[in-house]
């Protein structure tokens, strides 16, 4: 299933948003990912995972736009 040409800009937007998120994520050291600003807050890693999964769900489930890459990086 491919995206309607009318909504092609959405897949381009998703790609750039995903790259921005993963680019920022890559700037953190592994030890930093467990940092939690308060006991109630998500850790850095939990926030990044949540954002990636949410963006993937938004495009695939809410908008019906197929995504050809996994929601999360392998490592």
Foldseek 3Di string as FASTA:
>chain_A
DADDPVCPVVLVVLVVVLVVLVVVVVVDDPVQQQDAPDPPGHGNVVVSLVVLVVSQCCCCPVVVHDDDDDSDDPD
